[in-house]
Full PDB file with SEQRES, HELIX, SHEET, SSBOND, CRYST1, ORIGX, SCALE, CONECT and MASTER records, all heavy atoms in Angstrom:
SEQRES   1 A   35  THR THR ASP GLY ARG THR CYS PRO VAL ASN ALA ALA ASN          
SEQRES   2 A   35  SER PHE SER ASP THR TRP GLY ALA PRO ARG SER GLY GLY          
SEQRES   3 A   35  ARG THR HIS LYS GLY VAL ASP MET VAL                          
HELIX    1 AA1 SER A   24  GLY A   26  5                                   3    
CRYST1    1.000    1.000    1.000  90.00  90.00  90.00 P 1           1          
ORIGX1      1.000000  0.000000  0.000000        0.00000                         
ORIGX2      0.000000  1.000000  0.000000        0.00000                         
ORIGX3      0.000000  0.000000  1.000000        0.00000                         
SCALE1      1.000000  0.000000  0.000000        0.00000                         
SCALE2      0.000000  1.000000  0.000000        0.00000                         
SCALE3      0.000000  0.000000  1.000000        0.00000                         
ATOM      1  N   THR A   1     162.589 136.432  49.312  1.00  0.00           N  
ATOM      2  CA  THR A   1     163.688 136.369  50.342  1.00  0.00           C  
ATOM      3  C   THR A   1     165.070 136.386  49.640  1.00  0.00           C  
ATOM      4  O   THR A   1     165.215 136.284  48.441  1.00  0.00           O  
ATOM      5  CB  THR A   1     163.594 135.141  51.184  1.00  0.00           C  
ATOM      6  OG1 THR A   1     163.723 134.006  50.408  1.00  0.00           O  
ATOM      7  CG2 THR A   1     162.258 135.100  51.929  1.00  0.00           C  
ATOM      8  N   THR A   2     166.111 136.521  50.470  1.00  0.00           N  
ATOM      9  CA  THR A   2     167.492 136.587  49.935  1.00  0.00           C  
ATOM     10  C   THR A   2     167.897 135.250  49.176  1.00  0.00           C  
ATOM     11  O   THR A   2     168.752 135.299  48.348  1.00  0.00           O  
ATOM     12  CB  THR A   2     168.468 136.846  51.053  1.00  0.00           C  
ATOM     13  OG1 THR A   2     168.291 135.914  52.080  1.00  0.00           O  
ATOM     14  CG2 THR A   2     168.227 138.236  51.653  1.00  0.00           C  
ATOM     15  N   ASP A   3     167.206 134.170  49.579  1.00  0.00           N  
ATOM     16  CA  ASP A   3     167.520 132.870  48.906  1.00  0.00           C  
ATOM     17  C   ASP A   3     166.641 132.666  47.677  1.00  0.00           C  
ATOM     18  O   ASP A   3     166.581 131.565  47.120  1.00  0.00           O  
ATOM     19  CB  ASP A   3     167.525 131.684  49.854  1.00  0.00           C  
ATOM     20  CG  ASP A   3     166.181 131.437  50.318  1.00  0.00           C  
ATOM     21  OD1 ASP A   3     165.228 132.317  50.192  1.00  0.00           O  
ATOM     22  OD2 ASP A   3     166.008 130.406  51.008  1.00  0.00           O  
ATOM     23  N   GLY A   4     165.877 133.687  47.312  1.00  0.00           N  
ATOM     24  CA  GLY A   4     165.094 133.517  46.060  1.00  0.00           C  
ATOM     25  C   GLY A   4     163.796 132.811  46.221  1.00  0.00           C  
ATOM     26  O   GLY A   4     163.275 132.263  45.222  1.00  0.00           O  
ATOM     27  N   ARG A   5     163.141 132.878  47.332  1.00  0.00           N  
ATOM     28  CA  ARG A   5     161.874 132.179  47.604  1.00  0.00           C  
ATOM     29  C   ARG A   5     160.795 133.168  47.946  1.00  0.00           C  
ATOM     30  O   ARG A   5     161.080 134.224  48.450  1.00  0.00           O  
ATOM     31  CB  ARG A   5     161.985 131.120  48.660  1.00  0.00           C  
ATOM     32  CG  ARG A   5     162.787 129.924  48.261  1.00  0.00           C  
ATOM     33  CD  ARG A   5     162.988 128.935  49.426  1.00  0.00           C  
ATOM     34  NE  ARG A   5     163.509 127.630  49.017  1.00  0.00           N  
ATOM     35  CZ  ARG A   5     164.255 126.906  49.892  1.00  0.00           C  
ATOM     36  NH1 ARG A   5     164.467 127.343  51.130  1.00  0.00           N  
ATOM     37  NH2 ARG A   5     164.717 125.763  49.483  1.00  0.00           N  
ATOM     38  N   THR A   6     159.566 132.743  47.733  1.00  0.00           N  
ATOM     39  CA  THR A   6     158.389 133.548  48.167  1.00  0.00           C  
ATOM     40  C   THR A   6     157.266 132.575  48.740  1.00  0.00           C  
ATOM     41  O   THR A   6     157.362 131.405  48.479  1.00  0.00           O  
ATOM     42  CB  THR A   6     157.853 134.423  47.029  1.00  0.00           C  
ATOM     43  OG1 THR A   6     156.891 135.396  47.592  1.00  0.00           O  
ATOM     44  CG2 THR A   6     157.185 133.547  45.923  1.00  0.00           C  
ATOM     45  N   CYS A   7     156.296 133.139  49.336  1.00  0.00           N  
ATOM     46  CA  CYS A   7     155.195 132.334  49.879  1.00  0.00           C  
ATOM     47  C   CYS A   7     154.406 131.732  48.676  1.00  0.00           C  
ATOM     48  O   CYS A   7     154.120 132.381  47.691  1.00  0.00           O  
ATOM     49  CB  CYS A   7     154.242 133.221  50.644  1.00  0.00           C  
ATOM     50  SG  CYS A   7     152.800 132.368  51.413  1.00  0.00           S  
ATOM     51  N   PRO A   8     154.101 130.432  48.758  1.00  0.00           N  
ATOM     52  CA  PRO A   8     153.412 129.778  47.666  1.00  0.00           C  
ATOM     53  C   PRO A   8     152.036 130.171  47.503  1.00  0.00           C  
ATOM     54  O   PRO A   8     151.412 129.878  46.418  1.00  0.00           O  
ATOM     55  CB  PRO A   8     153.518 128.244  47.979  1.00  0.00           C  
ATOM     56  CG  PRO A   8     153.680 128.255  49.448  1.00  0.00           C  
ATOM     57  CD  PRO A   8     154.496 129.455  49.804  1.00  0.00           C  
ATOM     58  N   VAL A   9     151.385 130.859  48.454  1.00  0.00           N  
ATOM     59  CA  VAL A   9     150.019 131.339  48.325  1.00  0.00           C  
ATOM     60  C   VAL A   9     150.084 132.879  48.298  1.00  0.00           C  
ATOM     61  O   VAL A   9     150.435 133.474  49.309  1.00  0.00           O  
ATOM     62  CB  VAL A   9     149.163 130.863  49.451  1.00  0.00           C  
ATOM     63  CG1 VAL A   9     147.691 131.338  49.260  1.00  0.00           C  
ATOM     64  CG2 VAL A   9     149.136 129.346  49.470  1.00  0.00           C  
ATOM     65  N   ASN A  10     149.661 133.518  47.171  1.00  0.00           N  
ATOM     66  CA  ASN A  10     149.792 134.934  47.070  1.00  0.00           C  
ATOM     67  C   ASN A  10     148.398 135.530  47.479  1.00  0.00           C  
ATOM     68  O   ASN A  10     147.774 136.208  46.696  1.00  0.00           O  
ATOM     69  CB  ASN A  10     150.115 135.349  45.664  1.00  0.00           C  
ATOM     70  CG  ASN A  10     150.284 136.890  45.552  1.00  0.00           C  
ATOM     71  OD1 ASN A  10     150.493 137.598  46.479  1.00  0.00           O  
ATOM     72  ND2 ASN A  10     150.143 137.398  44.291  1.00  0.00           N  
ATOM     73  N   ALA A  11     148.067 135.206  48.759  1.00  0.00           N  
ATOM     74  CA  ALA A  11     146.765 135.775  49.310  1.00  0.00           C  
ATOM     75  C   ALA A  11     146.833 135.498  50.750  1.00  0.00           C  
ATOM     76  O   ALA A  11     147.712 134.757  51.313  1.00  0.00           O  
ATOM     77  CB  ALA A  11     145.573 135.085  48.642  1.00  0.00           C  
ATOM     78  N   ALA A  12     145.902 136.049  51.502  1.00  0.00           N  
ATOM     79  CA  ALA A  12     145.742 135.741  52.941  1.00  0.00           C  
ATOM     80  C   ALA A  12     145.568 134.253  53.044  1.00  0.00           C  
ATOM     81  O   ALA A  12     144.753 133.639  52.365  1.00  0.00           O  
ATOM     82  CB  ALA A  12     144.590 136.504  53.543  1.00  0.00           C  
ATOM     83  N   ASN A  13     146.238 133.598  54.016  1.00  0.00           N  
ATOM     84  CA  ASN A  13     146.129 132.160  54.159  1.00  0.00           C  
ATOM     85  C   ASN A  13     146.438 131.858  55.642  1.00  0.00           C  
ATOM     86  O   ASN A  13     146.905 132.673  56.383  1.00  0.00           O  
ATOM     87  CB  ASN A  13     147.143 131.481  53.268  1.00  0.00           C  
ATOM     88  CG  ASN A  13     148.564 131.842  53.516  1.00  0.00           C  
ATOM     89  OD1 ASN A  13     149.203 131.301  54.435  1.00  0.00           O  
ATOM     90  ND2 ASN A  13     149.104 132.810  52.785  1.00  0.00           N  
ATOM     91  N   SER A  14     145.977 130.680  55.948  1.00  0.00           N  
ATOM     92  CA  SER A  14     146.287 130.180  57.403  1.00  0.00           C  
ATOM     93  C   SER A  14     146.577 128.711  57.376  1.00  0.00           C  
ATOM     94  O   SER A  14     146.095 127.958  56.544  1.00  0.00           O  
ATOM     95  CB  SER A  14     144.960 130.441  58.192  1.00  0.00           C  
ATOM     96  OG  SER A  14     145.195 130.053  59.538  1.00  0.00           O  
ATOM     97  N   PHE A  15     147.525 128.404  58.224  1.00  0.00           N  
ATOM     98  CA  PHE A  15     148.025 127.008  58.201  1.00  0.00           C  
ATOM     99  C   PHE A  15     148.524 126.680  59.602  1.00  0.00           C  
ATOM    100  O   PHE A  15     148.672 127.570  60.484  1.00  0.00           O  
ATOM    101  CB  PHE A  15     149.149 126.852  57.194  1.00  0.00           C  
ATOM    102  CG  PHE A  15     150.251 127.894  57.387  1.00  0.00           C  
ATOM    103  CD1 PHE A  15     151.346 127.670  58.192  1.00  0.00           C  
ATOM    104  CD2 PHE A  15     150.228 129.047  56.692  1.00  0.00           C  
ATOM    105  CE1 PHE A  15     152.370 128.610  58.395  1.00  0.00           C  
ATOM    106  CE2 PHE A  15     151.172 130.012  56.820  1.00  0.00           C  
ATOM    107  CZ  PHE A  15     152.339 129.797  57.718  1.00  0.00           C  
ATOM    108  N   SER A  16     148.723 125.397  59.911  1.00  0.00           N  
ATOM    109  CA  SER A  16     149.224 124.991  61.190  1.00  0.00           C  
ATOM    110  C   SER A  16     150.127 123.737  60.980  1.00  0.00           C  
ATOM    111  O   SER A  16     150.121 123.158  59.861  1.00  0.00           O  
ATOM    112  CB  SER A  16     148.083 124.612  62.155  1.00  0.00           C  
ATOM    113  OG  SER A  16     147.316 123.612  61.570  1.00  0.00           O  
ATOM    114  N   ASP A  17     150.852 123.378  61.974  1.00  0.00           N  
ATOM    115  CA  ASP A  17     151.820 122.198  61.891  1.00  0.00           C  
ATOM    116  C   ASP A  17     151.056 120.930  62.130  1.00  0.00           C  
ATOM    117  O   ASP A  17     150.759 120.607  63.269  1.00  0.00           O  
ATOM    118  CB  ASP A  17     152.920 122.362  62.840  1.00  0.00           C  
ATOM    119  CG  ASP A  17     154.076 121.385  62.696  1.00  0.00           C  
ATOM    120  OD1 ASP A  17     153.868 120.503  61.804  1.00  0.00           O  
ATOM    121  OD2 ASP A  17     155.056 121.502  63.419  1.00  0.00           O  
ATOM    122  N   THR A  18     150.718 120.201  61.034  1.00  0.00           N  
ATOM    123  CA  THR A  18     149.974 118.946  61.116  1.00  0.00           C  
ATOM    124  C   THR A  18     150.779 117.800  60.561  1.00  0.00           C  
ATOM    125  O   THR A  18     150.236 116.776  60.190  1.00  0.00           O  
ATOM    126  CB  THR A  18     148.595 119.015  60.454  1.00  0.00           C  
ATOM    127  OG1 THR A  18     148.813 119.415  59.116  1.00  0.00           O  
ATOM    128  CG2 THR A  18     147.679 120.027  61.111  1.00  0.00           C  
ATOM    129  N   TRP A  19     152.085 117.989  60.473  1.00  0.00           N  
ATOM    130  CA  TRP A  19     152.955 116.910  60.006  1.00  0.00           C  
ATOM    131  C   TRP A  19     152.813 115.633  60.810  1.00  0.00           C  
ATOM    132  O   TRP A  19     152.914 115.671  62.114  1.00  0.00           O  
ATOM    133  CB  TRP A  19     154.428 117.407  60.040  1.00  0.00           C  
ATOM    134  CG  TRP A  19     155.414 116.343  59.612  1.00  0.00           C  
ATOM    135  CD1 TRP A  19     156.182 115.605  60.422  1.00  0.00           C  
ATOM    136  CD2 TRP A  19     155.827 116.022  58.263  1.00  0.00           C  
ATOM    137  NE1 TRP A  19     157.011 114.769  59.656  1.00  0.00           N  
ATOM    138  CE2 TRP A  19     156.792 115.048  58.354  1.00  0.00           C  
ATOM    139  CE3 TRP A  19     155.476 116.574  56.951  1.00  0.00           C  
ATOM    140  CZ2 TRP A  19     157.446 114.530  57.205  1.00  0.00           C  
ATOM    141  CZ3 TRP A  19     156.086 115.993  55.922  1.00  0.00           C  
ATOM    142  CH2 TRP A  19     157.042 115.044  55.986  1.00  0.00           C  
ATOM    143  N   GLY A  20     152.618 114.524  60.189  1.00  0.00           N  
ATOM    144  CA  GLY A  20     152.532 113.263  60.937  1.00  0.00           C  
ATOM    145  C   GLY A  20     151.151 112.899  61.396  1.00  0.00           C  
ATOM    146  O   GLY A  20     150.984 111.870  62.030  1.00  0.00           O  
ATOM    147  N   ALA A  21     150.165 113.862  61.256  1.00  0.00           N  
ATOM    148  CA  ALA A  21     148.797 113.594  61.830  1.00  0.00           C  
ATOM    149  C   ALA A  21     148.167 112.403  61.150  1.00  0.00           C  
ATOM    150  O   ALA A  21     148.465 112.144  59.940  1.00  0.00           O  
ATOM    151  CB  ALA A  21     147.905 114.845  61.654  1.00  0.00           C  
ATOM    152  N   PRO A  22     147.298 111.576  61.749  1.00  0.00           N  
ATOM    153  CA  PRO A  22     146.709 110.429  61.152  1.00  0.00           C  
ATOM    154  C   PRO A  22     145.761 110.830  60.007  1.00  0.00           C  
ATOM    155  O   PRO A  22     145.072 111.830  60.108  1.00  0.00           O  
ATOM    156  CB  PRO A  22     146.040 109.742  62.288  1.00  0.00           C  
ATOM    157  CG  PRO A  22     145.703 110.834  63.240  1.00  0.00           C  
ATOM    158  CD  PRO A  22     146.880 111.756  63.157  1.00  0.00           C  
ATOM    159  N   ARG A  23     145.755 110.027  59.010  1.00  0.00           N  
ATOM    160  CA  ARG A  23     144.851 110.176  57.787  1.00  0.00           C  
ATOM    161  C   ARG A  23     144.243 108.834  57.513  1.00  0.00           C  
ATOM    162  O   ARG A  23     144.705 107.824  57.964  1.00  0.00           O  
ATOM    163  CB  ARG A  23     145.641 110.796  56.602  1.00  0.00           C  
ATOM    164  CG  ARG A  23     146.062 112.289  56.820  1.00  0.00           C  
ATOM    165  CD  ARG A  23     144.821 113.169  56.887  1.00  0.00           C  
ATOM    166  NE  ARG A  23     145.198 114.583  56.924  1.00  0.00           N  
ATOM    167  CZ  ARG A  23     145.383 115.349  57.984  1.00  0.00           C  
ATOM    168  NH1 ARG A  23     145.295 114.741  59.186  1.00  0.00           N  
ATOM    169  NH2 ARG A  23     145.681 116.558  57.904  1.00  0.00           N  
ATOM    170  N   SER A  24     143.252 108.838  56.652  1.00  0.00           N  
ATOM    171  CA  SER A  24     142.539 107.647  56.302  1.00  0.00           C  
ATOM    172  C   SER A  24     143.516 106.644  55.580  1.00  0.00           C  
ATOM    173  O   SER A  24     144.560 107.091  55.033  1.00  0.00           O  
ATOM    174  CB  SER A  24     141.398 107.929  55.349  1.00  0.00           C  
ATOM    175  OG  SER A  24     141.839 108.506  54.154  1.00  0.00           O  
ATOM    176  N   GLY A  25     143.133 105.361  55.630  1.00  0.00           N  
ATOM    177  CA  GLY A  25     143.949 104.307  54.992  1.00  0.00           C  
ATOM    178  C   GLY A  25     145.259 104.004  55.728  1.00  0.00           C  
ATOM    179  O   GLY A  25     146.210 103.416  55.124  1.00  0.00           O  
ATOM    180  N   GLY A  26     145.362 104.432  56.999  1.00  0.00           N  
ATOM    181  CA  GLY A  26     146.606 104.223  57.783  1.00  0.00           C  
ATOM    182  C   GLY A  26     147.664 105.242  57.388  1.00  0.00           C  
ATOM    183  O   GLY A  26     148.836 105.057  57.908  1.00  0.00           O  
ATOM    184  N   ARG A  27     147.396 106.199  56.553  1.00  0.00           N  
ATOM    185  CA  ARG A  27     148.392 107.162  56.102  1.00  0.00           C  
ATOM    186  C   ARG A  27     148.740 108.181  57.219  1.00  0.00           C  
ATOM    187  O   ARG A  27     147.949 108.278  58.184  1.00  0.00           O  
ATOM    188  CB  ARG A  27     147.965 107.984  54.873  1.00  0.00           C  
ATOM    189  CG  ARG A  27     147.750 107.116  53.615  1.00  0.00           C  
ATOM    190  CD  ARG A  27     147.202 107.904  52.546  1.00  0.00           C  
ATOM    191  NE  ARG A  27     145.917 108.514  52.800  1.00  0.00           N  
ATOM    192  CZ  ARG A  27     145.613 109.826  52.905  1.00  0.00           C  
ATOM    193  NH1 ARG A  27     146.608 110.712  52.707  1.00  0.00           N  
ATOM    194  NH2 ARG A  27     144.446 110.248  53.213  1.00  0.00           N  
ATOM    195  N   THR A  28     149.777 108.946  57.118  1.00  0.00           N  
ATOM    196  CA  THR A  28     149.991 110.087  57.998  1.00  0.00           C  
ATOM    197  C   THR A  28     150.245 111.320  57.111  1.00  0.00           C  
ATOM    198  O   THR A  28     150.579 111.173  55.914  1.00  0.00           O  
ATOM    199  CB  THR A  28     151.288 109.907  58.810  1.00  0.00           C  
ATOM    200  OG1 THR A  28     152.392 109.626  58.035  1.00  0.00           O  
ATOM    201  CG2 THR A  28     151.092 108.747  59.798  1.00  0.00           C  
ATOM    202  N   HIS A  29     150.003 112.483  57.636  1.00  0.00           N  
ATOM    203  CA  HIS A  29     150.063 113.714  56.871  1.00  0.00           C  
ATOM    204  C   HIS A  29     151.544 114.072  56.550  1.00  0.00           C  
ATOM    205  O   HIS A  29     152.331 114.191  57.472  1.00  0.00           O  
ATOM    206  CB  HIS A  29     149.377 114.813  57.638  1.00  0.00           C  
ATOM    207  CG  HIS A  29     149.054 116.029  56.748  1.00  0.00           C  
ATOM    208  ND1 HIS A  29     149.177 117.330  57.140  1.00  0.00           N  
ATOM    209  CD2 HIS A  29     148.488 116.063  55.482  1.00  0.00           C  
ATOM    210  CE1 HIS A  29     148.753 118.188  56.200  1.00  0.00           C  
ATOM    211  NE2 HIS A  29     148.350 117.361  55.151  1.00  0.00           N  
ATOM    212  N   LYS A  30     151.906 114.287  55.265  1.00  0.00           N  
ATOM    213  CA  LYS A  30     153.185 114.495  54.838  1.00  0.00           C  
ATOM    214  C   LYS A  30     153.369 115.929  54.317  1.00  0.00           C  
ATOM    215  O   LYS A  30     154.261 116.184  53.465  1.00  0.00           O  
ATOM    216  CB  LYS A  30     153.656 113.516  53.767  1.00  0.00           C  
ATOM    217  CG  LYS A  30     153.630 112.050  54.193  1.00  0.00           C  
ATOM    218  CD  LYS A  30     154.711 111.839  55.300  1.00  0.00           C  
ATOM    219  CE  LYS A  30     154.847 110.423  55.611  1.00  0.00           C  
ATOM    220  NZ  LYS A  30     155.819 110.145  56.795  1.00  0.00           N  
ATOM    221  N   GLY A  31     152.578 116.822  54.720  1.00  0.00           N  
ATOM    222  CA  GLY A  31     152.663 118.241  54.277  1.00  0.00           C  
ATOM    223  C   GLY A  31     152.088 119.255  55.214  1.00  0.00           C  
ATOM    224  O   GLY A  31     151.848 118.927  56.470  1.00  0.00           O  
ATOM    225  N   VAL A  32     151.769 120.374  54.751  1.00  0.00           N  
ATOM    226  CA  VAL A  32     151.057 121.447  55.520  1.00  0.00           C  
ATOM    227  C   VAL A  32     149.877 121.863  54.653  1.00  0.00           C  
ATOM    228  O   VAL A  32     149.969 122.069  53.478  1.00  0.00           O  
ATOM    229  CB  VAL A  32     151.993 122.642  55.833  1.00  0.00           C  
ATOM    230  CG1 VAL A  32     152.501 123.282  54.628  1.00  0.00           C  
ATOM    231  CG2 VAL A  32     151.284 123.658  56.706  1.00  0.00           C  
ATOM    232  N   ASP A  33     148.693 122.000  55.281  1.00  0.00           N  
ATOM    233  CA  ASP A  33     147.545 122.422  54.596  1.00  0.00           C  
ATOM    234  C   ASP A  33     147.344 123.930  54.784  1.00  0.00           C  
ATOM    235  O   ASP A  33     147.224 124.410  55.857  1.00  0.00           O  
ATOM    236  CB  ASP A  33     146.280 121.675  55.169  1.00  0.00           C  
ATOM    237  CG  ASP A  33     146.201 120.255  54.734  1.00  0.00           C  
ATOM    238  OD1 ASP A  33     146.859 119.904  53.704  1.00  0.00           O  
ATOM    239  OD2 ASP A  33     145.616 119.478  55.423  1.00  0.00           O  
ATOM    240  N   MET A  34     147.397 124.644  53.663  1.00  0.00           N  
ATOM    241  CA  MET A  34     147.309 126.144  53.676  1.00  0.00           C  
ATOM    242  C   MET A  34     145.857 126.525  53.226  1.00  0.00           C  
ATOM    243  O   MET A  34     145.518 126.442  52.023  1.00  0.00           O  
ATOM    244  CB  MET A  34     148.361 126.781  52.811  1.00  0.00           C  
ATOM    245  CG  MET A  34     149.775 126.280  53.239  1.00  0.00           C  
ATOM    246  SD  MET A  34     151.114 127.045  52.244  1.00  0.00           S  
ATOM    247  CE  MET A  34     151.038 128.773  52.786  1.00  0.00           C  
ATOM    248  N   VAL A  35     145.068 127.023  54.108  1.00  0.00           N  
ATOM    249  CA  VAL A  35     143.728 127.396  53.899  1.00  0.00           C  
ATOM    250  C   VAL A  35     143.685 128.777  53.352  1.00  0.00           C  
ATOM    251  O   VAL A  35     144.266 129.758  53.854  1.00  0.00           O  
ATOM    252  CB  VAL A  35     142.897 127.332  55.139  1.00  0.00           C  
ATOM    253  CG1 VAL A  35     141.343 127.631  54.799  1.00  0.00           C  
ATOM    254  CG2 VAL A  35     142.912 125.913  55.701  1.00  0.00           C  
TER     255      VAL A  35                                                      
MASTER        0    0    0    1    0    0    0    6  254    1    0    3          
END                                                                             
């Protein structure tokens, strides 16, 4: 892009917005999972 960035996965990938979703140990999700 014009700001010098590119997709971190150089292949077909799929992801969704799961920020804040519950995780084990009382944690919450702090990222995005790119399959």
